[in-house]
C-alpha atoms as a PDB file:
ATOM      1  CA  MET A   1      57.403  77.079  21.925  1.00  0.00           C
ATOM      2  CA  SER A   2      57.254  79.038  18.657  1.00  0.00           C
ATOM      3  CA  ILE A   3      57.303  82.709  17.882  1.00  0.00           C
ATOM      4  CA  SER A   4      56.685  83.783  14.270  1.00  0.00           C
ATOM      5  CA  GLY A   5      57.526  80.320  13.017  1.00  0.00           C
ATOM      6  CA  SER A   6      60.872  80.138  14.796  1.00  0.00           C
ATOM      7  CA  SER A   7      61.480  77.666  17.554  1.00  0.00           C
ATOM      8  CA  ILE A   8      62.818  78.972  20.855  1.00  0.00           C
ATOM      9  CA  GLU A   9      64.369  76.467  23.191  1.00  0.00           C
ATOM     10  CA  ARG A  10      64.606  77.329  26.879  1.00  0.00           C
ATOM     11  CA  THR A  11      68.137  77.022  28.205  1.00  0.00           C
ATOM     12  CA  VAL A  12      69.922  77.176  31.542  1.00  0.00           C
ATOM     13  CA  ALA A  13      73.131  79.101  32.193  1.00  0.00           C
ATOM     14  CA  LEU A  14      75.710  77.321  34.291  1.00  0.00           C
ATOM     15  CA  GLU A  15      79.435  77.011  34.804  1.00  0.00           C
ATOM     16  CA  VAL A  16      81.414  73.933  33.768  1.00  0.00           C
ATOM     17  CA  ASN A  17      85.017  73.761  34.971  1.00  0.00           C
ATOM     18  CA  GLY A  18      85.005  77.527  35.457  1.00  0.00           C
ATOM     19  CA  LYS A  19      83.623  78.397  32.002  1.00  0.00           C
ATOM     20  CA  PRO A  20      80.102  79.650  31.251  1.00  0.00           C
ATOM     21  CA  ARG A  21      77.904  77.282  29.286  1.00  0.00           C
ATOM     22  CA  ARG A  22      74.268  77.126  28.194  1.00  0.00           C
ATOM     23  CA  LEU A  23      72.379  73.852  27.877  1.00  0.00           C
ATOM     24  CA  PRO A  24      68.781  73.000  27.059  1.00  0.00           C
ATOM     25  CA  ALA A  25      66.504  73.112  30.101  1.00  0.00           C
ATOM     26  CA  GLY A  26      65.981  69.659  31.562  1.00  0.00           C
ATOM     27  CA  THR A  27      69.500  68.442  30.749  1.00  0.00           C
ATOM     28  CA  SER A  28      70.847  65.912  33.240  1.00  0.00           C
ATOM     29  CA  VAL A  29      74.470  65.426  34.216  1.00  0.00           C
ATOM     30  CA  THR A  30      74.466  62.418  31.871  1.00  0.00           C
ATOM     31  CA  GLY A  31      73.281  64.706  29.053  1.00  0.00           C
ATOM     32  CA  LEU A  32      76.052  67.175  29.826  1.00  0.00           C
ATOM     33  CA  LEU A  33      78.653  64.407  29.702  1.00  0.00           C
ATOM     34  CA  GLU A  34      77.246  63.170  26.377  1.00  0.00           C
ATOM     35  CA  SER A  35      77.412  66.712  24.959  1.00  0.00           C
ATOM     36  CA  VAL A  36      81.172  66.836  25.631  1.00  0.00           C
ATOM     37  CA  ASP A  37      81.814  63.214  24.567  1.00  0.00           C
ATOM     38  CA  LEU A  38      82.752  61.918  28.031  1.00  0.00           C
ATOM     39  CA  LEU A  39      81.775  58.508  29.367  1.00  0.00           C
ATOM     40  CA  PRO A  40      80.318  58.519  32.910  1.00  0.00           C
ATOM     41  CA  GLY A  41      82.712  55.778  33.981  1.00  0.00           C
ATOM     42  CA  THR A  42      85.764  57.883  33.174  1.00  0.00           C
ATOM     43  CA  VAL A  43      84.931  61.009  35.189  1.00  0.00           C
ATOM     44  CA  VAL A  44      84.018  62.300  38.606  1.00  0.00           C
ATOM     45  CA  VAL A  45      81.383  65.048  38.655  1.00  0.00           C
ATOM     46  CA  GLU A  46      80.973  67.652  41.369  1.00  0.00           C
ATOM     47  CA  LEU A  47      77.684  69.576  41.287  1.00  0.00           C
ATOM     48  CA  ASN A  48      77.582  72.695  43.461  1.00  0.00           C
ATOM     49  CA  ARG A  49      80.489  71.389  45.570  1.00  0.00           C
ATOM     50  CA  THR A  50      78.906  67.963  46.106  1.00  0.00           C
ATOM     51  CA  ILE A  51      80.471  64.912  44.471  1.00  0.00           C
ATOM     52  CA  LEU A  52      77.812  62.881  42.695  1.00  0.00           C
ATOM     53  CA  ARG A  53      77.719  59.102  42.585  1.00  0.00           C
ATOM     54  CA  ARG A  54      77.349  57.713  39.065  1.00  0.00           C
ATOM     55  CA  PRO A  55      73.772  56.470  39.685  1.00  0.00           C
ATOM     56  CA  GLN A  56      72.812  60.122  40.371  1.00  0.00           C
ATOM     57  CA  TYR A  57      73.960  61.381  36.953  1.00  0.00           C
ATOM     58  CA  ASP A  58      70.629  60.597  35.237  1.00  0.00           C
ATOM     59  CA  GLU A  59      68.473  62.111  37.970  1.00  0.00           C
ATOM     60  CA  ALA A  60      70.548  65.263  38.571  1.00  0.00           C
ATOM     61  CA  ILE A  61      68.839  67.862  36.352  1.00  0.00           C
ATOM     62  CA  LEU A  62      70.914  70.994  35.817  1.00  0.00           C
ATOM     63  CA  SER A  63      69.551  74.441  36.725  1.00  0.00           C
ATOM     64  CA  ASP A  64      70.488  78.082  36.202  1.00  0.00           C
ATOM     65  CA  GLY A  65      73.541  79.002  38.243  1.00  0.00           C
ATOM     66  CA  ASP A  66      74.775  75.452  38.835  1.00  0.00           C
ATOM     67  CA  GLN A  67      78.516  75.005  39.109  1.00  0.00           C
ATOM     68  CA  ILE A  68      79.878  71.752  37.735  1.00  0.00           C
ATOM     69  CA  GLU A  69      83.414  70.439  37.947  1.00  0.00           C
ATOM     70  CA  ILE A  70      84.299  67.445  35.811  1.00  0.00           C
ATOM     71  CA  VAL A  71      87.519  65.574  36.548  1.00  0.00           C
ATOM     72  CA  HIS A  72      88.561  63.211  33.765  1.00  0.00           C
ATOM     73  CA  PHE A  73      90.781  60.230  34.541  1.00  0.00           C
ATOM     74  CA  VAL A  74      93.914  60.020  32.435  1.00  0.00           C
ATOM     75  CA  GLY A  75      95.981  56.871  32.252  1.00  0.00           C
ATOM     76  CA  GLY A  76      99.717  56.848  32.278  1.00  0.00           C
ATOM     77  CA  GLY A  77     102.668  55.943  34.322  1.00  0.00           C
END
């Protein structure tokens, strides 16, 4: 979509780990993880209080108002 030669990208407003964030419309959970440099195999994602299985990350498209919690595994002893 263009207005006066400038490109306007539609975004969605959501909350990630309690902080507001805007992402391009149509972004999947996988896309969100890529945008914050996290590998799907190293995190657990909760979308609107439902834990997602990794195969769902590609098909779960984020929408306005979604609440996402990302828990990152940290090694140590």
